[in-house]
Amino acid sequence: MVYNTVDKTGFKWSIEDKPVTIAKWDGAAVKNSLDDAVRKIMNEKYKYEENFKMMDTRLWICSISCLFAMFALGWDFFYPFPASRSVLFLCVVSYFIMMGILTLYTTYIERSHFLVSHEKDQAGIDPDNVWIIDSSLKRFDDLYTLVFHYTNGTTCAQRESSLTKSVSSWFDEDGTLQLQLFEKDVQSLHDEISSSEKKDK
């Protein structure tokens, strides 16, 4: 199998010129390798710009939570308990509040989104079209679900396309990802939305 090839669009498959091989019974590794492949396709094949705002927000929430914990630790070092009681109480409460915010954020805002990409207007006039991509792979299951959410930057019209297939469609017996096969399925989802957009114009 060749992993460094060029397709009709000029897109070159090459992840450090090495095949992506994982333990095929490790569901998390399987999902992560497929998600990374989708990210590569969107960023390199279609030249979309990845938006890290969603991930950055989660990191900020976690960082602030850690700061509360570190401040409590430092304060207790200089002013040992019970002198530090009130500060420790406030820091512990603040930490759990931030963890609650993080839980709400990941559950209702981030959800299963792993990629947000912006399709820039070639003329640089119209707002960006936004692609939000979700994926899921249940524990002890072989069915990987990939969902593309598209929002037109000008009309705010939304479209969606999805597929659910067994991961065995893209991994061989050794756990090596067949990149070209997976890229075809990702492209079909993308083109399904793009073609419907062109018909409406």
N, C-alpha and C. Protein backbone atom coordinates (compact mmCIF):
# COMPACT_ATOMS: atom_id res chain seq x y z
N MET A 1 0.85 -1.20 0.00
CA MET A 1 0.00 0.00 0.00
C MET A 1 0.88 1.24 0.00
N VAL A 2 0.54 2.22 -0.87
CA VAL A 2 1.32 3.46 -0.95
C VAL A 2 0.60 4.53 -0.13
N TYR A 3 1.35 5.24 0.69
CA TYR A 3 0.75 6.24 1.56
C TYR A 3 1.18 7.66 1.20
N ASN A 4 1.94 7.78 0.12
CA ASN A 4 2.41 9.09 -0.27
C ASN A 4 2.05 9.28 -1.74
N THR A 5 0.78 9.62 -1.99
CA THR A 5 0.29 9.74 -3.34
C THR A 5 -0.44 11.05 -3.54
N VAL A 6 -0.71 11.38 -4.79
CA VAL A 6 -1.40 12.62 -5.12
C VAL A 6 -2.68 12.28 -5.85
N ASP A 7 -3.82 12.84 -5.39
CA ASP A 7 -5.08 12.55 -6.08
C ASP A 7 -5.32 13.56 -7.18
N LYS A 8 -6.50 13.50 -7.80
CA LYS A 8 -6.80 14.36 -8.95
C LYS A 8 -6.81 15.84 -8.60
N THR A 9 -7.07 16.17 -7.33
CA THR A 9 -7.12 17.57 -6.92
C THR A 9 -5.74 18.09 -6.52
N GLY A 10 -4.75 17.22 -6.54
CA GLY A 10 -3.41 17.64 -6.14
C GLY A 10 -3.15 17.46 -4.67
N PHE A 11 -4.10 16.85 -3.97
CA PHE A 11 -3.95 16.63 -2.53
C PHE A 11 -3.00 15.47 -2.30
N LYS A 12 -1.99 15.68 -1.49
CA LYS A 12 -0.96 14.66 -1.26
C LYS A 12 -1.14 14.03 0.11
N TRP A 13 -1.33 12.71 0.10
CA TRP A 13 -1.45 11.99 1.36
C TRP A 13 -0.07 11.68 1.89
N SER A 14 0.26 12.26 3.02
CA SER A 14 1.54 11.95 3.63
C SER A 14 1.52 12.39 5.07
N ILE A 15 1.50 11.45 6.00
CA ILE A 15 1.62 11.79 7.41
C ILE A 15 3.01 11.34 7.83
N GLU A 16 3.97 12.24 7.66
CA GLU A 16 5.38 11.96 7.94
C GLU A 16 5.86 10.72 7.17
N ASP A 17 5.23 10.48 6.00
CA ASP A 17 5.59 9.36 5.14
C ASP A 17 5.50 8.01 5.86
N LYS A 18 4.69 7.94 6.88
CA LYS A 18 4.53 6.69 7.62
C LYS A 18 3.05 6.32 7.67
N PRO A 19 2.73 5.04 7.58
CA PRO A 19 1.32 4.62 7.71
C PRO A 19 0.84 4.82 9.14
N VAL A 20 -0.45 5.10 9.29
CA VAL A 20 -1.05 5.26 10.61
C VAL A 20 -1.50 3.89 11.08
N THR A 21 -0.79 3.35 12.06
CA THR A 21 -1.10 2.02 12.57
C THR A 21 -1.41 2.10 14.06
N ILE A 22 -2.53 1.53 14.46
CA ILE A 22 -2.95 1.57 15.86
C ILE A 22 -3.38 0.17 16.32
N ALA A 23 -3.58 0.03 17.63
CA ALA A 23 -4.14 -1.21 18.16
C ALA A 23 -5.63 -1.20 17.83
N LYS A 24 -6.05 -2.06 16.93
CA LYS A 24 -7.41 -1.97 16.39
C LYS A 24 -8.50 -2.26 17.42
N TRP A 25 -8.13 -2.80 18.60
CA TRP A 25 -9.13 -3.03 19.66
C TRP A 25 -9.21 -1.84 20.61
N ASP A 26 -8.37 -0.84 20.39
CA ASP A 26 -8.38 0.37 21.23
C ASP A 26 -9.32 1.38 20.59
N GLY A 27 -10.55 1.47 21.10
CA GLY A 27 -11.56 2.34 20.50
C GLY A 27 -11.15 3.79 20.45
N ALA A 28 -10.50 4.28 21.52
CA ALA A 28 -10.08 5.68 21.57
C ALA A 28 -9.02 5.96 20.51
N ALA A 29 -8.09 5.04 20.33
CA ALA A 29 -7.04 5.22 19.32
C ALA A 29 -7.62 5.20 17.92
N VAL A 30 -8.60 4.32 17.69
CA VAL A 30 -9.26 4.24 16.39
C VAL A 30 -9.96 5.56 16.07
N LYS A 31 -10.75 6.05 17.03
CA LYS A 31 -11.49 7.29 16.82
C LYS A 31 -10.54 8.47 16.61
N ASN A 32 -9.50 8.55 17.42
CA ASN A 32 -8.57 9.67 17.31
C ASN A 32 -7.84 9.67 15.97
N SER A 33 -7.46 8.50 15.48
CA SER A 33 -6.76 8.44 14.20
C SER A 33 -7.68 8.85 13.05
N LEU A 34 -8.95 8.46 13.12
CA LEU A 34 -9.91 8.87 12.09
C LEU A 34 -10.19 10.37 12.17
N ASP A 35 -10.35 10.88 13.38
CA ASP A 35 -10.58 12.32 13.56
C ASP A 35 -9.40 13.13 13.02
N ASP A 36 -8.18 12.66 13.29
CA ASP A 36 -6.99 13.36 12.80
C ASP A 36 -6.93 13.34 11.28
N ALA A 37 -7.36 12.24 10.68
CA ALA A 37 -7.37 12.15 9.22
C ALA A 37 -8.38 13.14 8.63
N VAL A 38 -9.54 13.27 9.27
CA VAL A 38 -10.54 14.25 8.80
C VAL A 38 -9.96 15.66 8.89
N ARG A 39 -9.28 15.95 10.00
CA ARG A 39 -8.68 17.27 10.19
C ARG A 39 -7.65 17.56 9.08
N LYS A 40 -6.86 16.56 8.74
CA LYS A 40 -5.86 16.73 7.69
C LYS A 40 -6.52 17.02 6.34
N ILE A 41 -7.59 16.29 6.05
CA ILE A 41 -8.29 16.48 4.78
C ILE A 41 -8.87 17.89 4.68
N MET A 42 -9.55 18.32 5.73
CA MET A 42 -10.19 19.64 5.69
C MET A 42 -9.17 20.77 5.62
N ASN A 43 -8.07 20.62 6.34
CA ASN A 43 -7.07 21.69 6.39
C ASN A 43 -6.15 21.71 5.18
N GLU A 44 -5.81 20.53 4.65
CA GLU A 44 -4.82 20.46 3.59
C GLU A 44 -5.42 20.24 2.20
N LYS A 45 -6.45 19.42 2.13
CA LYS A 45 -7.07 19.18 0.82
C LYS A 45 -7.92 20.37 0.40
N TYR A 46 -8.79 20.81 1.32
CA TYR A 46 -9.71 21.90 0.98
C TYR A 46 -9.19 23.28 1.39
N LYS A 47 -8.06 23.31 2.08
CA LYS A 47 -7.41 24.57 2.46
C LYS A 47 -8.29 25.43 3.36
N TYR A 48 -9.07 24.78 4.22
CA TYR A 48 -9.88 25.54 5.17
C TYR A 48 -9.03 25.91 6.38
N GLU A 49 -9.47 26.93 7.08
CA GLU A 49 -8.72 27.43 8.23
C GLU A 49 -9.38 26.94 9.52
N GLU A 50 -8.62 26.20 10.32
CA GLU A 50 -9.17 25.64 11.55
C GLU A 50 -9.35 26.72 12.61
N ASN A 51 -10.50 26.69 13.26
CA ASN A 51 -10.80 27.63 14.34
C ASN A 51 -10.62 26.91 15.68
N PHE A 52 -9.70 27.42 16.50
CA PHE A 52 -9.38 26.77 17.77
C PHE A 52 -10.12 27.37 18.96
N LYS A 53 -11.06 28.27 18.70
CA LYS A 53 -11.74 28.98 19.78
C LYS A 53 -12.43 28.03 20.76
N MET A 54 -13.09 27.00 20.24
CA MET A 54 -13.81 26.07 21.10
C MET A 54 -12.85 25.32 22.03
N MET A 55 -11.74 24.87 21.47
CA MET A 55 -10.76 24.16 22.28
C MET A 55 -10.07 25.10 23.27
N ASP A 56 -9.78 26.32 22.80
CA ASP A 56 -9.12 27.31 23.67
C ASP A 56 -9.99 27.65 24.88
N THR A 57 -11.31 27.74 24.66
CA THR A 57 -12.22 28.04 25.76
C THR A 57 -12.16 26.94 26.82
N ARG A 58 -12.14 25.69 26.37
CA ARG A 58 -12.04 24.58 27.32
C ARG A 58 -10.73 24.64 28.09
N LEU A 59 -9.64 24.96 27.40
CA LEU A 59 -8.34 25.06 28.06
C LEU A 59 -8.29 26.19 29.07
N TRP A 60 -8.96 27.31 28.75
CA TRP A 60 -9.00 28.44 29.69
C TRP A 60 -9.77 28.06 30.96
N ILE A 61 -10.88 27.36 30.80
CA ILE A 61 -11.65 26.92 31.97
C ILE A 61 -10.81 26.00 32.84
N CYS A 62 -10.10 25.06 32.21
CA CYS A 62 -9.24 24.14 32.96
C CYS A 62 -8.09 24.88 33.63
N SER A 63 -7.52 25.86 32.92
CA SER A 63 -6.39 26.62 33.47
C SER A 63 -6.80 27.43 34.69
N ILE A 64 -7.97 28.07 34.62
CA ILE A 64 -8.45 28.86 35.76
C ILE A 64 -8.71 27.96 36.95
N SER A 65 -9.25 26.76 36.69
CA SER A 65 -9.49 25.79 37.77
C SER A 65 -8.19 25.41 38.44
N CYS A 66 -7.17 25.17 37.64
CA CYS A 66 -5.85 24.79 38.19
C CYS A 66 -5.24 25.94 38.99
N LEU A 67 -5.47 27.17 38.55
CA LEU A 67 -4.94 28.33 39.27
C LEU A 67 -5.54 28.42 40.67
N PHE A 68 -6.84 28.15 40.78
CA PHE A 68 -7.47 28.14 42.11
C PHE A 68 -6.81 27.09 43.01
N ALA A 69 -6.57 25.91 42.44
CA ALA A 69 -5.96 24.83 43.23
C ALA A 69 -4.53 25.19 43.64
N MET A 70 -3.77 25.78 42.70
CA MET A 70 -2.39 26.16 43.00
C MET A 70 -2.32 27.28 44.03
N PHE A 71 -3.26 28.25 43.91
CA PHE A 71 -3.27 29.35 44.87
C PHE A 71 -3.57 28.83 46.28
N ALA A 72 -4.51 27.88 46.37
CA ALA A 72 -4.85 27.30 47.67
C ALA A 72 -3.65 26.57 48.26
N LEU A 73 -2.91 25.86 47.43
CA LEU A 73 -1.73 25.13 47.89
C LEU A 73 -0.66 26.10 48.39
N GLY A 74 -0.42 27.16 47.61
CA GLY A 74 0.60 28.15 48.00
C GLY A 74 0.22 28.91 49.26
N TRP A 75 -1.05 29.28 49.36
CA TRP A 75 -1.51 30.03 50.54
C TRP A 75 -1.39 29.18 51.80
N ASP A 76 -1.75 27.91 51.69
CA ASP A 76 -1.66 27.02 52.84
C ASP A 76 -0.21 26.77 53.25
N PHE A 77 0.72 26.88 52.30
CA PHE A 77 2.14 26.69 52.62
C PHE A 77 2.65 27.85 53.48
N PHE A 78 2.25 29.07 53.11
CA PHE A 78 2.71 30.25 53.86
C PHE A 78 1.88 30.52 55.11
N TYR A 79 0.60 30.16 55.07
CA TYR A 79 -0.29 30.36 56.23
C TYR A 79 -0.99 29.03 56.54
N PRO A 80 -0.30 28.13 57.24
CA PRO A 80 -0.83 26.77 57.49
C PRO A 80 -2.20 26.79 58.16
N PHE A 81 -2.94 25.74 57.85
CA PHE A 81 -4.26 25.55 58.45
C PHE A 81 -4.13 25.55 59.98
N PRO A 82 -5.01 26.21 60.72
CA PRO A 82 -6.34 26.72 60.31
C PRO A 82 -6.35 28.17 59.85
N ALA A 83 -5.17 28.83 59.81
CA ALA A 83 -5.15 30.24 59.38
C ALA A 83 -5.62 30.39 57.93
N SER A 84 -5.42 29.35 57.14
CA SER A 84 -5.78 29.42 55.71
C SER A 84 -7.19 28.89 55.43
N ARG A 85 -7.97 28.64 56.49
CA ARG A 85 -9.27 27.99 56.33
C ARG A 85 -10.18 28.70 55.33
N SER A 86 -10.35 30.00 55.50
CA SER A 86 -11.29 30.74 54.64
C SER A 86 -10.84 30.76 53.18
N VAL A 87 -9.51 30.93 52.98
CA VAL A 87 -8.99 30.95 51.61
C VAL A 87 -9.14 29.58 50.96
N LEU A 88 -8.84 28.53 51.72
CA LEU A 88 -9.00 27.17 51.19
C LEU A 88 -10.45 26.89 50.82
N PHE A 89 -11.36 27.34 51.67
CA PHE A 89 -12.79 27.13 51.40
C PHE A 89 -13.20 27.80 50.09
N LEU A 90 -12.78 29.07 49.92
CA LEU A 90 -13.13 29.81 48.71
C LEU A 90 -12.53 29.16 47.46
N CYS A 91 -11.27 28.71 47.58
CA CYS A 91 -10.61 28.10 46.42
C CYS A 91 -11.25 26.76 46.05
N VAL A 92 -11.60 25.97 47.06
CA VAL A 92 -12.23 24.68 46.79
C VAL A 92 -13.59 24.88 46.14
N VAL A 93 -14.38 25.82 46.66
CA VAL A 93 -15.69 26.10 46.08
C VAL A 93 -15.54 26.61 44.64
N SER A 94 -14.56 27.51 44.44
CA SER A 94 -14.33 28.07 43.10
C SER A 94 -13.91 26.98 42.12
N TYR A 95 -13.08 26.06 42.59
CA TYR A 95 -12.62 24.96 41.74
C TYR A 95 -13.80 24.10 41.28
N PHE A 96 -14.68 23.75 42.20
CA PHE A 96 -15.83 22.91 41.84
C PHE A 96 -16.82 23.66 40.96
N ILE A 97 -16.93 24.97 41.15
CA ILE A 97 -17.78 25.77 40.27
C ILE A 97 -17.24 25.74 38.84
N MET A 98 -15.90 25.89 38.71
CA MET A 98 -15.29 25.86 37.38
C MET A 98 -15.44 24.48 36.74
N MET A 99 -15.35 23.42 37.54
CA MET A 99 -15.56 22.07 37.00
C MET A 99 -17.01 21.89 36.53
N GLY A 100 -17.94 22.52 37.24
CA GLY A 100 -19.34 22.48 36.81
C GLY A 100 -19.53 23.20 35.50
N ILE A 101 -18.87 24.36 35.37
CA ILE A 101 -18.93 25.12 34.12
C ILE A 101 -18.33 24.30 32.98
N LEU A 102 -17.21 23.63 33.26
CA LEU A 102 -16.57 22.80 32.24
C LEU A 102 -17.49 21.67 31.79
N THR A 103 -18.17 21.05 32.74
CA THR A 103 -19.10 19.97 32.41
C THR A 103 -20.23 20.48 31.52
N LEU A 104 -20.80 21.62 31.88
CA LEU A 104 -21.88 22.21 31.07
C LEU A 104 -21.38 22.59 29.68
N TYR A 105 -20.17 23.12 29.63
CA TYR A 105 -19.59 23.56 28.35
C TYR A 105 -19.39 22.37 27.41
N THR A 106 -18.76 21.30 27.94
CA THR A 106 -18.49 20.14 27.09
C THR A 106 -19.77 19.41 26.71
N THR A 107 -20.79 19.48 27.57
CA THR A 107 -22.04 18.76 27.31
C THR A 107 -22.94 19.49 26.33
N TYR A 108 -23.08 20.82 26.48
CA TYR A 108 -24.07 21.56 25.70
C TYR A 108 -23.49 22.45 24.59
N ILE A 109 -22.20 22.77 24.67
CA ILE A 109 -21.62 23.63 23.64
C ILE A 109 -20.63 22.86 22.78
N GLU A 110 -19.63 22.26 23.40
CA GLU A 110 -18.63 21.53 22.64
C GLU A 110 -19.20 20.23 22.09
N ARG A 111 -19.96 19.56 22.90
CA ARG A 111 -20.61 18.29 22.54
C ARG A 111 -19.61 17.33 21.90
N SER A 112 -19.95 16.79 20.74
CA SER A 112 -19.04 15.85 20.09
C SER A 112 -18.24 16.51 18.96
N HIS A 113 -18.24 17.86 18.92
CA HIS A 113 -17.48 18.58 17.90
C HIS A 113 -15.99 18.37 18.14
N PHE A 114 -15.27 18.01 17.09
CA PHE A 114 -13.82 17.92 17.23
C PHE A 114 -13.09 18.83 16.24
N LEU A 115 -13.85 19.44 15.34
CA LEU A 115 -13.21 20.33 14.36
C LEU A 115 -14.18 21.42 13.92
N VAL A 116 -13.68 22.65 13.93
CA VAL A 116 -14.41 23.79 13.38
C VAL A 116 -13.50 24.42 12.34
N SER A 117 -13.94 24.44 11.08
CA SER A 117 -13.13 24.98 9.99
C SER A 117 -13.88 26.10 9.28
N HIS A 118 -13.12 27.12 8.87
CA HIS A 118 -13.71 28.26 8.17
C HIS A 118 -13.30 28.21 6.70
N GLU A 119 -14.30 28.29 5.85
CA GLU A 119 -14.07 28.36 4.40
C GLU A 119 -14.11 29.83 4.01
N LYS A 120 -12.94 30.37 3.69
CA LYS A 120 -12.84 31.79 3.39
C LYS A 120 -13.41 32.11 2.01
N ASP A 121 -14.04 33.29 1.91
CA ASP A 121 -14.51 33.76 0.62
C ASP A 121 -13.30 34.15 -0.22
N GLN A 122 -13.23 33.65 -1.45
CA GLN A 122 -12.07 33.90 -2.30
C GLN A 122 -11.86 35.38 -2.56
N ALA A 123 -12.95 36.12 -2.63
CA ALA A 123 -12.85 37.56 -2.87
C ALA A 123 -12.57 38.32 -1.58
N GLY A 124 -12.75 37.66 -0.45
CA GLY A 124 -12.50 38.31 0.83
C GLY A 124 -13.57 39.30 1.24
N ILE A 125 -14.77 39.16 0.66
CA ILE A 125 -15.85 40.10 0.94
C ILE A 125 -16.92 39.48 1.85
N ASP A 126 -17.40 38.32 1.47
CA ASP A 126 -18.47 37.67 2.23
C ASP A 126 -17.93 37.01 3.50
N PRO A 127 -18.79 36.83 4.50
CA PRO A 127 -18.38 36.14 5.74
C PRO A 127 -17.98 34.70 5.45
N ASP A 128 -17.22 34.11 6.36
CA ASP A 128 -16.76 32.73 6.19
C ASP A 128 -17.92 31.75 6.26
N ASN A 129 -17.85 30.71 5.44
CA ASN A 129 -18.71 29.55 5.62
C ASN A 129 -18.08 28.68 6.70
N VAL A 130 -18.89 28.12 7.58
CA VAL A 130 -18.35 27.38 8.72
C VAL A 130 -18.72 25.91 8.63
N TRP A 131 -17.70 25.06 8.79
CA TRP A 131 -17.89 23.61 8.82
C TRP A 131 -17.60 23.12 10.23
N ILE A 132 -18.58 22.49 10.87
CA ILE A 132 -18.40 21.90 12.19
C ILE A 132 -18.56 20.39 12.04
N ILE A 133 -17.59 19.65 12.52
CA ILE A 133 -17.59 18.21 12.30
C ILE A 133 -17.63 17.46 13.63
N ASP A 134 -18.55 16.51 13.70
CA ASP A 134 -18.72 15.66 14.88
C ASP A 134 -18.34 14.23 14.52
N SER A 135 -17.97 13.48 15.54
CA SER A 135 -17.74 12.06 15.34
C SER A 135 -18.10 11.32 16.62
N SER A 136 -18.41 10.05 16.48
CA SER A 136 -18.70 9.23 17.66
C SER A 136 -18.36 7.78 17.35
N LEU A 137 -17.89 7.11 18.37
CA LEU A 137 -17.60 5.67 18.29
C LEU A 137 -17.84 5.11 19.68
N LYS A 138 -18.96 4.41 19.83
CA LYS A 138 -19.32 3.90 21.15
C LYS A 138 -18.37 2.81 21.60
N ARG A 139 -18.26 2.69 22.90
CA ARG A 139 -17.37 1.68 23.48
C ARG A 139 -17.83 0.28 23.07
N PHE A 140 -16.87 -0.54 22.71
CA PHE A 140 -17.11 -1.92 22.28
C PHE A 140 -17.97 -2.00 21.02
N ASP A 141 -17.97 -0.93 20.23
CA ASP A 141 -18.72 -0.91 18.98
C ASP A 141 -17.76 -0.64 17.83
N ASP A 142 -18.09 -1.11 16.64
CA ASP A 142 -17.21 -0.89 15.49
C ASP A 142 -17.77 0.16 14.54
N LEU A 143 -18.91 0.75 14.88
CA LEU A 143 -19.56 1.71 13.99
C LEU A 143 -19.12 3.14 14.32
N TYR A 144 -18.44 3.75 13.36
CA TYR A 144 -17.96 5.13 13.48
C TYR A 144 -18.92 6.05 12.75
N THR A 145 -19.40 7.07 13.44
CA THR A 145 -20.33 8.02 12.84
C THR A 145 -19.63 9.36 12.64
N LEU A 146 -19.74 9.89 11.44
CA LEU A 146 -19.13 11.18 11.10
C LEU A 146 -20.22 12.10 10.58
N VAL A 147 -20.32 13.29 11.16
CA VAL A 147 -21.38 14.24 10.79
C VAL A 147 -20.76 15.58 10.43
N PHE A 148 -21.13 16.09 9.25
CA PHE A 148 -20.69 17.41 8.79
C PHE A 148 -21.85 18.38 8.96
N HIS A 149 -21.61 19.47 9.70
CA HIS A 149 -22.57 20.56 9.82
C HIS A 149 -22.00 21.77 9.07
N TYR A 150 -22.80 22.32 8.18
CA TYR A 150 -22.34 23.44 7.36
C TYR A 150 -23.26 24.64 7.56
N THR A 151 -22.66 25.82 7.74
CA THR A 151 -23.43 27.06 7.84
C THR A 151 -22.91 28.05 6.82
N ASN A 152 -23.80 28.50 5.94
CA ASN A 152 -23.43 29.50 4.94
C ASN A 152 -23.24 30.85 5.62
N GLY A 153 -22.07 31.46 5.41
CA GLY A 153 -21.76 32.71 6.10
C GLY A 153 -22.63 33.87 5.67
N THR A 154 -23.16 33.84 4.45
CA THR A 154 -23.97 34.94 3.94
C THR A 154 -25.44 34.79 4.29
N THR A 155 -25.99 33.61 4.02
CA THR A 155 -27.42 33.40 4.23
C THR A 155 -27.75 32.76 5.58
N CYS A 156 -26.73 32.23 6.25
CA CYS A 156 -26.89 31.51 7.53
C CYS A 156 -27.68 30.20 7.35
N ALA A 157 -27.87 29.79 6.10
CA ALA A 157 -28.54 28.51 5.84
C ALA A 157 -27.64 27.37 6.33
N GLN A 158 -28.27 26.34 6.87
CA GLN A 158 -27.51 25.22 7.43
C GLN A 158 -27.82 23.93 6.67
N ARG A 159 -26.79 23.12 6.53
CA ARG A 159 -26.93 21.83 5.89
C ARG A 159 -26.16 20.79 6.71
N GLU A 160 -26.51 19.54 6.49
CA GLU A 160 -25.88 18.47 7.26
C GLU A 160 -25.79 17.21 6.41
N SER A 161 -24.70 16.50 6.56
CA SER A 161 -24.55 15.19 5.93
C SER A 161 -23.80 14.28 6.89
N SER A 162 -24.10 13.00 6.84
CA SER A 162 -23.48 12.09 7.80
C SER A 162 -23.33 10.70 7.21
N LEU A 163 -22.47 9.93 7.82
CA LEU A 163 -22.32 8.53 7.46
C LEU A 163 -21.98 7.72 8.71
N THR A 164 -22.35 6.47 8.69
CA THR A 164 -22.01 5.53 9.75
C THR A 164 -21.53 4.25 9.09
N LYS A 165 -20.28 3.90 9.37
CA LYS A 165 -19.69 2.70 8.78
C LYS A 165 -18.83 1.99 9.81
N SER A 166 -18.62 0.71 9.57
CA SER A 166 -17.72 -0.05 10.41
C SER A 166 -16.29 0.40 10.19
N VAL A 167 -15.53 0.50 11.25
CA VAL A 167 -14.13 0.94 11.13
C VAL A 167 -13.31 -0.06 10.31
N SER A 168 -13.81 -1.27 10.18
CA SER A 168 -13.11 -2.26 9.36
C SER A 168 -13.08 -1.86 7.89
N SER A 169 -13.92 -0.89 7.51
CA SER A 169 -13.93 -0.39 6.14
C SER A 169 -12.65 0.36 5.82
N TRP A 170 -11.97 0.86 6.86
CA TRP A 170 -10.79 1.71 6.65
C TRP A 170 -9.51 1.18 7.28
N PHE A 171 -9.61 0.15 8.13
CA PHE A 171 -8.43 -0.42 8.76
C PHE A 171 -8.24 -1.85 8.29
N ASP A 172 -6.99 -2.21 8.02
CA ASP A 172 -6.72 -3.60 7.63
C ASP A 172 -6.53 -4.46 8.88
N GLU A 173 -6.18 -5.71 8.68
CA GLU A 173 -6.05 -6.64 9.80
C GLU A 173 -4.94 -6.26 10.77
N ASP A 174 -3.96 -5.49 10.29
CA ASP A 174 -2.84 -5.08 11.14
C ASP A 174 -3.13 -3.78 11.89
N GLY A 175 -4.32 -3.20 11.67
CA GLY A 175 -4.67 -1.95 12.31
C GLY A 175 -4.12 -0.73 11.61
N THR A 176 -3.81 -0.86 10.32
CA THR A 176 -3.28 0.25 9.54
C THR A 176 -4.41 0.96 8.81
N LEU A 177 -4.47 2.25 8.95
CA LEU A 177 -5.52 3.05 8.32
C LEU A 177 -5.26 3.18 6.83
N GLN A 178 -6.25 2.80 6.03
CA GLN A 178 -6.17 2.94 4.58
C GLN A 178 -6.66 4.34 4.22
N LEU A 179 -5.73 5.25 4.16
CA LEU A 179 -6.06 6.67 4.05
C LEU A 179 -6.88 7.02 2.81
N GLN A 180 -6.53 6.42 1.67
CA GLN A 180 -7.26 6.75 0.45
C GLN A 180 -8.73 6.33 0.53
N LEU A 181 -9.00 5.19 1.14
CA LEU A 181 -10.38 4.73 1.27
C LEU A 181 -11.18 5.66 2.17
N PHE A 182 -10.57 6.08 3.27
CA PHE A 182 -11.26 6.97 4.20
C PHE A 182 -11.47 8.34 3.57
N GLU A 183 -10.49 8.81 2.84
CA GLU A 183 -10.59 10.13 2.20
C GLU A 183 -11.76 10.20 1.23
N LYS A 184 -12.03 9.10 0.53
CA LYS A 184 -13.16 9.07 -0.41
C LYS A 184 -14.49 9.26 0.31
N ASP A 185 -14.64 8.64 1.48
CA ASP A 185 -15.89 8.78 2.23
C ASP A 185 -16.03 10.20 2.79
N VAL A 186 -14.94 10.76 3.26
CA VAL A 186 -14.98 12.13 3.78
C VAL A 186 -15.31 13.10 2.65
N GLN A 187 -14.71 12.88 1.50
CA GLN A 187 -14.97 13.75 0.35
C GLN A 187 -16.43 13.66 -0.09
N SER A 188 -17.01 12.47 -0.01
CA SER A 188 -18.42 12.31 -0.42
C SER A 188 -19.34 13.12 0.48
N LEU A 189 -19.04 13.16 1.79
CA LEU A 189 -19.83 13.98 2.71
C LEU A 189 -19.69 15.45 2.38
N HIS A 190 -18.46 15.87 2.16
CA HIS A 190 -18.19 17.27 1.84
C HIS A 190 -18.86 17.67 0.54
N ASP A 191 -18.71 16.84 -0.48
CA ASP A 191 -19.25 17.17 -1.81
C ASP A 191 -20.78 17.15 -1.83
N GLU A 192 -21.36 16.31 -0.98
CA GLU A 192 -22.83 16.27 -0.90
C GLU A 192 -23.38 17.63 -0.50
N ILE A 193 -22.71 18.27 0.47
CA ILE A 193 -23.15 19.60 0.91
C ILE A 193 -22.78 20.65 -0.13
N SER A 194 -21.56 20.59 -0.66
CA SER A 194 -21.11 21.59 -1.62
C SER A 194 -21.96 21.59 -2.89
N SER A 195 -22.32 20.41 -3.37
CA SER A 195 -23.14 20.34 -4.58
C SER A 195 -24.54 20.89 -4.37
N SER A 196 -25.12 20.63 -3.20
CA SER A 196 -26.45 21.16 -2.90
C SER A 196 -26.41 22.67 -2.74
N GLU A 197 -25.28 23.20 -2.25
CA GLU A 197 -25.12 24.65 -2.14
C GLU A 197 -25.09 25.28 -3.52
N LYS A 198 -24.36 24.67 -4.45
CA LYS A 198 -24.25 25.22 -5.79
C LYS A 198 -25.59 25.19 -6.52
N LYS A 199 -26.39 24.17 -6.26
CA LYS A 199 -27.70 24.07 -6.92
C LYS A 199 -28.63 25.18 -6.48
N ASP A 200 -28.47 25.63 -5.24
CA ASP A 200 -29.37 26.65 -4.70
C ASP A 200 -28.99 28.06 -5.12
N LYS A 201 -27.78 28.19 -5.69
CA LYS A 201 -27.33 29.54 -6.08
C LYS A 201 -27.90 29.93 -7.43
